[in-house]
Amino acid sequence: MQKSIERIAGDSEGVSYEFPVFRFEGADKAAPSAYLQAALHAGELPGVVAIDALMPMLAKAESEGRIKGAITIVPWANPIGRAQYHFGEHQGRFHLGTRTNFNRGFPLLAAPDTALFPAHGTPDQQLKARLLQLSLGHDIVLDLHCDDEGLAYLYVHTSLWPAMADCAAAMGVDAVVLWSEDSDGTFEGASIMPYQNVPADVARFDRRVATTVEYRGMLDVDGALASSDAEGLYRLLVARGVIADPALPAPGAFTGAVAPLENIDMMPAPRAGAILYDVKPGDRVAKGARLATIVHAPGETGGRTEVFAPQAGLILTRRSRRIIRSGEDLLKLVGDRKSADARSGTLED
C-alpha cells in the first residue's frame, strides 16, 4: 500500500487543505479496479469508519497476493468541509464561501480525459476536480454517504441496473433508488458522464459500478456497523474480481426494494414546528396512513397538523432533528407508484 497527500490551495494567503490517498497496486492490470471515497459531505462519518474497518482486510489480502485490481481509497474526501464550523456547529454539507453543496457542481466531462478538466477555480471547485480525476479510469466507483435517519440504500443509474444487483446484495443494503438524469453535477453523475459517449470497450458498462451509498443515518457511527459495512465492501470487491477470495461465496439475489427516483415522496412540511413521527425507516405504510404530526401552536386548539401518506410505500428516511420549517422535507417515502409531486430526477443527496 502507498499513501500520498493531496493538497488544495485555499482562497487566502497561508491557507491550504490536504487529504490522504491510499493505493493498492494490484497484480493483474486486466482485473477491474476500484475507487472508494467517504465524507464528501464532511460530517457524514459511517463511510469513514467503514473504510477504517476495511483497511486491515485489504492489507491482509495484499500480503497474501490476492489483490488483483488497483484500489484507490480516499477516506476523508473533503478537508474543506471538515474545517468549517459556525458557532460551534459543524457545517460540512455546503461550502461556506460559494454556498454550493459539496456534492454538486462536479465537472461533467464529455470523455474520460484529464485534459478536459478546468485548470482553476475556487477551493471547493479545485477539490471536486481533483476527486473526479482520482476516480477516472476505475471500473468501480463508490461514494460513501449517509442520510439523517434511514435504511442503508444505493442510488444507481438506470444504465447500470440490474447489472449491479450483485453489488447491492453483497453490500447488504435495504433498497436501491434508480435515477436517470443529473444536470447538477453530483459526484456519481460526473463519474458516469464521461463514459456515456465513448466506445463500448472503453465504457465497459457490463462491469462498471458507480453508486452513491447511503449508510443509514448521521448517528449510525459505531464499531459493529463499521465492521458489517466493511465486510459488505469487501464482498463487493471480491464479487467483482478486484480481490481474490475463493473462500467467500458469491452474493445471492438482491431482495430489497427497488424503485425509480420519481416514486419518492419527500413530504414537505405544511407548517413549522415540532415533529411527532408515527413512522420510522423500514416501515411499510398504506395510503392515507398518518406519518407525522407537526405541533405548530403548542397548547392551543387546532395547534397540531397531521401529515398523511399520499400513497402506499416504504419509509426510507426521516429527519434527525425534530424542528422543521414550512416547506422542508419530513421524510422519504418510496412509493409503489410515481409520486404526484415527482422531483426533477436528480439525486437529492
Foldseek 3Di string as FASTA:
>chain_A
DDKDKDKFDAPDPPDIFIFIKDKDAADAAPAFEEEEEECLLVLFQLQLLLVVLQVVVVVVLVVVRFQHHMYMYTSGLDRQQVPDDDPRHRGRQARPVVRHGLQFDADQDQALDLVPQDPDDHRSRVSSSVVLVVGRPGQAYEYEGAAAAFWKEKEDEPLLPPLCQLLCLLQVTAEYAYFHDDPGRGSLNSNQRNLPPDDCVRNVSSLHHTIYIHHGHSPPDDDVSSNSNSSSVVLNCCLRRSGPDVVDDRGDGRDHYYYYQQQKDQAFAQAWAFKDAPDAFFDWDAFFAWGIKGQQPPPDVVRIDIDTHNGTFGFGHAHNGGTDHGGHGGGIGRHPDGDPPGDPRHDPD
